[in-house]
Amino acid sequence: YTDMKIYLLWDDFISLICTMVTLFVERRLVVQSQRARNQAYCPYSNFRVGAAVLASDGAVFTGCNVENASYPAGLCAERTAISKAVSEGYTSFKAIAIASDLKDQFIFPCGVCRQFMREFGLEWNVYPTKSDGSYRQMTLKELLPHSFGPDDLISNKIRISNTNHKHR
């Protein structure tokens, strides 16, 4: 009976340590996204956004929004951070935190960023934040249900046939 008690206490201890480590990693990612926000180049909107993406091996890459006078040429913080990671050989991610100056609401990735993130899987965590550092946790799958991704392009799923098209 005593051995059972010690085992249960050890289990609780390990669970507590894992929870503390997870909270530390989440908080670290949020802080890094806030620091990245401070680097934002946004002379047109003055809407600063920062992101920090956590690779599967623990490496963190940050990015900020970069606006352009030709608006479509601008980059969102999430795509900047992920592109930095990919340019360094990383394509497997665990989480991303997004920060802005919004006080009363969480900042969420735009639709383009959600689809960009989808390229690298659905089962990673997204941490939308408020300017005070508070955050929510959700998965990309929750943010982008019924998504289209790399698996949908497997040749068995899509069959392109010219027989249905008439050429003129």
C-alpha atoms as a PDB file:
ATOM      1  CA  TYR A   1       0.000   0.000   0.000  1.00  0.00           C
ATOM      2  CA  THR A   2       2.848   2.386   0.850  1.00  0.00           C
ATOM      3  CA  ASP A   3       4.560   1.604  -2.452  1.00  0.00           C
ATOM      4  CA  MET A   4       1.311   2.413  -4.254  1.00  0.00           C
ATOM      5  CA  LYS A   5       1.089   5.752  -2.432  1.00  0.00           C
ATOM      6  CA  ILE A   6       4.653   6.684  -3.378  1.00  0.00           C
ATOM      7  CA  TYR A   7       3.989   5.710  -6.979  1.00  0.00           C
ATOM      8  CA  LEU A   8       0.882   7.926  -7.089  1.00  0.00           C
ATOM      9  CA  LEU A   9       2.782  10.835  -5.538  1.00  0.00           C
ATOM     10  CA  TRP A  10       5.589  10.382  -8.065  1.00  0.00           C
ATOM     11  CA  ASP A  11       3.026  10.345 -10.895  1.00  0.00           C
ATOM     12  CA  ASP A  12       1.486  13.578  -9.580  1.00  0.00           C
ATOM     13  CA  PHE A  13       4.945  15.126  -9.272  1.00  0.00           C
ATOM     14  CA  ILE A  14       5.884  14.219 -12.847  1.00  0.00           C
ATOM     15  CA  SER A  15       2.548  15.546 -14.107  1.00  0.00           C
ATOM     16  CA  LEU A  16       3.111  18.812 -12.244  1.00  0.00           C
ATOM     17  CA  ILE A  17       6.618  19.194 -13.678  1.00  0.00           C
ATOM     18  CA  CYS A  18       5.326  18.572 -17.218  1.00  0.00           C
ATOM     19  CA  THR A  19       2.604  21.182 -16.730  1.00  0.00           C
ATOM     20  CA  MET A  20       5.131  23.710 -15.417  1.00  0.00           C
ATOM     21  CA  VAL A  21       7.479  23.102 -18.363  1.00  0.00           C
ATOM     22  CA  THR A  22       4.589  23.495 -20.811  1.00  0.00           C
ATOM     23  CA  LEU A  23       3.525  26.772 -19.194  1.00  0.00           C
ATOM     24  CA  PHE A  24       7.120  28.016 -19.245  1.00  0.00           C
ATOM     25  CA  VAL A  25       7.478  27.215 -22.963  1.00  0.00           C
ATOM     26  CA  GLU A  26       4.127  28.838 -23.778  1.00  0.00           C
ATOM     27  CA  ARG A  27       5.016  31.973 -21.804  1.00  0.00           C
ATOM     28  CA  ARG A  28       8.467  32.152 -23.421  1.00  0.00           C
ATOM     29  CA  LEU A  29       6.879  31.952 -26.874  1.00  0.00           C
ATOM     30  CA  VAL A  30       4.395  34.718 -26.015  1.00  0.00           C
ATOM     31  CA  VAL A  31       7.199  36.992 -24.755  1.00  0.00           C
ATOM     32  CA  GLN A  32       9.240  36.356 -27.896  1.00  0.00           C
ATOM     33  CA  SER A  33       6.250  37.207 -30.091  1.00  0.00           C
ATOM     34  CA  GLN A  34       5.834  40.463 -28.140  1.00  0.00           C
ATOM     35  CA  ARG A  35       9.508  41.327 -28.684  1.00  0.00           C
ATOM     36  CA  ALA A  36       9.150  40.582 -32.392  1.00  0.00           C
ATOM     37  CA  ARG A  37       6.116  42.889 -32.507  1.00  0.00           C
ATOM     38  CA  ASN A  38       8.437  45.736 -31.487  1.00  0.00           C
ATOM     39  CA  GLN A  39      10.364  45.264 -34.748  1.00  0.00           C
ATOM     40  CA  ALA A  40       7.291  45.608 -36.973  1.00  0.00           C
ATOM     41  CA  TYR A  41       7.608  47.831 -40.029  1.00  0.00           C
ATOM     42  CA  CYS A  42       4.105  49.249 -40.396  1.00  0.00           C
ATOM     43  CA  PRO A  43       4.258  52.907 -41.501  1.00  0.00           C
ATOM     44  CA  TYR A  44       0.835  52.729 -43.213  1.00  0.00           C
ATOM     45  CA  SER A  45      -1.406  50.962 -40.697  1.00  0.00           C
ATOM     46  CA  ASN A  46       0.628  51.428 -37.488  1.00  0.00           C
ATOM     47  CA  PHE A  47      -0.711  47.957 -36.591  1.00  0.00           C
ATOM     48  CA  ARG A  48       2.250  46.087 -35.117  1.00  0.00           C
ATOM     49  CA  VAL A  49       2.231  42.286 -35.124  1.00  0.00           C
ATOM     50  CA  GLY A  50       4.881  39.833 -33.972  1.00  0.00           C
ATOM     51  CA  ALA A  51       5.052  36.054 -34.085  1.00  0.00           C
ATOM     52  CA  ALA A  52       7.246  33.350 -32.593  1.00  0.00           C
ATOM     53  CA  VAL A  53       7.133  29.831 -34.006  1.00  0.00           C
ATOM     54  CA  LEU A  54       8.388  26.816 -32.045  1.00  0.00           C
ATOM     55  CA  ALA A  55      10.023  24.097 -34.128  1.00  0.00           C
ATOM     56  CA  SER A  56       9.723  20.452 -33.083  1.00  0.00           C
ATOM     57  CA  ASP A  57      13.278  20.410 -31.725  1.00  0.00           C
ATOM     58  CA  GLY A  58      12.710  23.502 -29.542  1.00  0.00           C
ATOM     59  CA  ALA A  59      14.239  26.127 -31.846  1.00  0.00           C
ATOM     60  CA  VAL A  60      12.288  29.389 -31.962  1.00  0.00           C
ATOM     61  CA  PHE A  61      12.013  31.719 -34.942  1.00  0.00           C
ATOM     62  CA  THR A  62      10.472  35.166 -34.722  1.00  0.00           C
ATOM     63  CA  GLY A  63       8.976  37.473 -37.298  1.00  0.00           C
ATOM     64  CA  CYS A  64       7.095  40.736 -37.568  1.00  0.00           C
ATOM     65  CA  ASN A  65       4.764  42.252 -40.109  1.00  0.00           C
ATOM     66  CA  VAL A  66       6.494  44.141 -42.898  1.00  0.00           C
ATOM     67  CA  GLU A  67       4.257  46.524 -44.824  1.00  0.00           C
ATOM     68  CA  ASN A  68       4.857  47.819 -48.310  1.00  0.00           C
ATOM     69  CA  ALA A  69       3.501  50.817 -50.239  1.00  0.00           C
ATOM     70  CA  SER A  70       2.129  48.217 -52.645  1.00  0.00           C
ATOM     71  CA  TYR A  71      -0.137  46.670 -50.004  1.00  0.00           C
ATOM     72  CA  PRO A  72      -0.302  43.083 -51.355  1.00  0.00           C
ATOM     73  CA  ALA A  73       3.505  42.892 -51.221  1.00  0.00           C
ATOM     74  CA  GLY A  74       3.473  43.171 -47.424  1.00  0.00           C
ATOM     75  CA  LEU A  75       4.137  40.205 -45.157  1.00  0.00           C
ATOM     76  CA  CYS A  76       2.343  39.117 -42.012  1.00  0.00           C
ATOM     77  CA  ALA A  77       4.361  38.273 -38.905  1.00  0.00           C
ATOM     78  CA  GLU A  78       3.323  34.610 -38.956  1.00  0.00           C
ATOM     79  CA  ARG A  79       4.507  34.047 -42.520  1.00  0.00           C
ATOM     80  CA  THR A  80       7.742  35.924 -41.803  1.00  0.00           C
ATOM     81  CA  ALA A  81       8.543  33.707 -38.788  1.00  0.00           C
ATOM     82  CA  ILE A  82       7.649  30.474 -40.573  1.00  0.00           C
ATOM     83  CA  SER A  83       9.614  31.476 -43.683  1.00  0.00           C
ATOM     84  CA  LYS A  84      12.667  32.191 -41.533  1.00  0.00           C
ATOM     85  CA  ALA A  85      12.346  28.723 -40.009  1.00  0.00           C
ATOM     86  CA  VAL A  86      11.893  27.025 -43.386  1.00  0.00           C
ATOM     87  CA  SER A  87      14.904  28.904 -44.789  1.00  0.00           C
ATOM     88  CA  GLU A  88      16.941  27.323 -41.976  1.00  0.00           C
ATOM     89  CA  GLY A  89      15.690  23.813 -42.791  1.00  0.00           C
ATOM     90  CA  TYR A  90      12.777  23.529 -40.334  1.00  0.00           C
ATOM     91  CA  THR A  91       9.391  22.255 -41.495  1.00  0.00           C
ATOM     92  CA  SER A  92       7.978  20.618 -38.359  1.00  0.00           C
ATOM     93  CA  PHE A  93       6.373  22.901 -35.804  1.00  0.00           C
ATOM     94  CA  LYS A  94       4.786  22.560 -32.362  1.00  0.00           C
ATOM     95  CA  ALA A  95       3.350  26.022 -31.778  1.00  0.00           C
ATOM     96  CA  ILE A  96       3.124  29.664 -32.760  1.00  0.00           C
ATOM     97  CA  ALA A  97       2.327  32.741 -30.651  1.00  0.00           C
ATOM     98  CA  ILE A  98       1.013  35.943 -32.203  1.00  0.00           C
ATOM     99  CA  ALA A  99       1.192  39.369 -30.512  1.00  0.00           C
ATOM    100  CA  SER A 100      -0.225  42.795 -31.324  1.00  0.00           C
ATOM    101  CA  ASP A 101      -1.176  45.985 -29.525  1.00  0.00           C
ATOM    102  CA  LEU A 102      -4.852  44.993 -29.252  1.00  0.00           C
ATOM    103  CA  LYS A 103      -5.885  45.500 -25.636  1.00  0.00           C
ATOM    104  CA  ASP A 104      -9.386  44.082 -25.404  1.00  0.00           C
ATOM    105  CA  GLN A 105      -9.237  41.207 -27.834  1.00  0.00           C
ATOM    106  CA  PHE A 106      -6.935  38.418 -28.936  1.00  0.00           C
ATOM    107  CA  ILE A 107      -5.024  38.688 -32.192  1.00  0.00           C
ATOM    108  CA  PHE A 108      -5.689  35.780 -34.554  1.00  0.00           C
ATOM    109  CA  PRO A 109      -3.889  34.863 -37.779  1.00  0.00           C
ATOM    110  CA  CYS A 110      -5.523  36.090 -40.971  1.00  0.00           C
ATOM    111  CA  GLY A 111      -6.925  33.576 -43.452  1.00  0.00           C
ATOM    112  CA  VAL A 112      -3.811  33.618 -45.643  1.00  0.00           C
ATOM    113  CA  CYS A 113      -1.598  32.905 -42.633  1.00  0.00           C
ATOM    114  CA  ARG A 114      -3.861  30.093 -41.477  1.00  0.00           C
ATOM    115  CA  GLN A 115      -3.554  28.450 -44.884  1.00  0.00           C
ATOM    116  CA  PHE A 116       0.215  29.078 -44.911  1.00  0.00           C
ATOM    117  CA  MET A 117       0.493  27.415 -41.496  1.00  0.00           C
ATOM    118  CA  ARG A 118      -1.667  24.527 -42.722  1.00  0.00           C
ATOM    119  CA  GLU A 119       1.063  23.556 -45.168  1.00  0.00           C
ATOM    120  CA  PHE A 120       3.020  22.318 -42.155  1.00  0.00           C
ATOM    121  CA  GLY A 121       0.274  20.340 -40.426  1.00  0.00           C
ATOM    122  CA  LEU A 122      -2.902  20.810 -38.425  1.00  0.00           C
ATOM    123  CA  GLU A 123      -1.943  19.519 -34.997  1.00  0.00           C
ATOM    124  CA  TRP A 124       0.139  22.370 -33.687  1.00  0.00           C
ATOM    125  CA  ASN A 125      -0.835  24.912 -31.080  1.00  0.00           C
ATOM    126  CA  VAL A 126      -1.681  28.519 -31.801  1.00  0.00           C
ATOM    127  CA  TYR A 127      -1.460  31.088 -29.016  1.00  0.00           C
ATOM    128  CA  PRO A 128      -3.388  34.261 -29.855  1.00  0.00           C
ATOM    129  CA  THR A 129      -2.476  36.977 -27.319  1.00  0.00           C
ATOM    130  CA  LYS A 130      -3.601  40.331 -25.989  1.00  0.00           C
ATOM    131  CA  SER A 131      -1.188  43.220 -25.444  1.00  0.00           C
ATOM    132  CA  ASP A 132      -1.010  42.438 -21.705  1.00  0.00           C
ATOM    133  CA  GLY A 133       0.472  39.001 -22.487  1.00  0.00           C
ATOM    134  CA  SER A 134      -2.630  36.971 -21.724  1.00  0.00           C
ATOM    135  CA  TYR A 135      -3.226  34.226 -24.259  1.00  0.00           C
ATOM    136  CA  ARG A 136      -5.483  31.414 -25.381  1.00  0.00           C
ATOM    137  CA  GLN A 137      -4.442  28.002 -26.634  1.00  0.00           C
ATOM    138  CA  MET A 138      -6.049  26.388 -29.651  1.00  0.00           C
ATOM    139  CA  THR A 139      -4.957  24.135 -32.457  1.00  0.00           C
ATOM    140  CA  LEU A 140      -4.636  25.134 -36.069  1.00  0.00           C
ATOM    141  CA  LYS A 141      -7.305  22.522 -36.790  1.00  0.00           C
ATOM    142  CA  GLU A 142      -9.717  24.531 -34.631  1.00  0.00           C
ATOM    143  CA  LEU A 143      -8.793  27.755 -36.452  1.00  0.00           C
ATOM    144  CA  LEU A 144      -9.038  26.224 -39.914  1.00  0.00           C
ATOM    145  CA  PRO A 145     -11.626  23.433 -39.948  1.00  0.00           C
ATOM    146  CA  HIS A 146     -12.247  21.488 -43.154  1.00  0.00           C
ATOM    147  CA  SER A 147      -8.942  22.707 -44.539  1.00  0.00           C
ATOM    148  CA  PHE A 148      -7.141  21.978 -47.775  1.00  0.00           C
ATOM    149  CA  GLY A 149      -3.566  20.772 -47.412  1.00  0.00           C
ATOM    150  CA  PRO A 150      -0.749  18.716 -48.890  1.00  0.00           C
ATOM    151  CA  ASP A 151      -2.566  15.415 -48.300  1.00  0.00           C
ATOM    152  CA  ASP A 152      -5.352  16.590 -50.592  1.00  0.00           C
ATOM    153  CA  LEU A 153      -2.914  16.742 -53.499  1.00  0.00           C
ATOM    154  CA  ILE A 154      -1.992  13.064 -53.379  1.00  0.00           C
ATOM    155  CA  SER A 155      -2.539  11.722 -56.876  1.00  0.00           C
ATOM    156  CA  ASN A 156      -5.067   9.137 -55.677  1.00  0.00           C
ATOM    157  CA  LYS A 157      -7.372  11.859 -54.397  1.00  0.00           C
ATOM    158  CA  ILE A 158      -7.183  14.225 -57.346  1.00  0.00           C
ATOM    159  CA  ARG A 159      -7.425  12.955 -60.857  1.00  0.00           C
ATOM    160  CA  ILE A 160      -7.064  15.549 -63.513  1.00  0.00           C
ATOM    161  CA  SER A 161      -8.529  14.411 -66.767  1.00  0.00           C
ATOM    162  CA  ASN A 162      -8.472  16.254 -70.049  1.00  0.00           C
ATOM    163  CA  THR A 163     -11.336  14.132 -71.365  1.00  0.00           C
ATOM    164  CA  ASN A 164     -13.878  16.395 -69.685  1.00  0.00           C
ATOM    165  CA  HIS A 165     -12.484  19.531 -71.260  1.00  0.00           C
ATOM    166  CA  LYS A 166     -13.121  20.511 -74.866  1.00  0.00           C
ATOM    167  CA  HIS A 167     -10.358  22.445 -76.524  1.00  0.00           C
ATOM    168  CA  ARG A 168     -11.281  25.079 -79.097  1.00  0.00           C
END
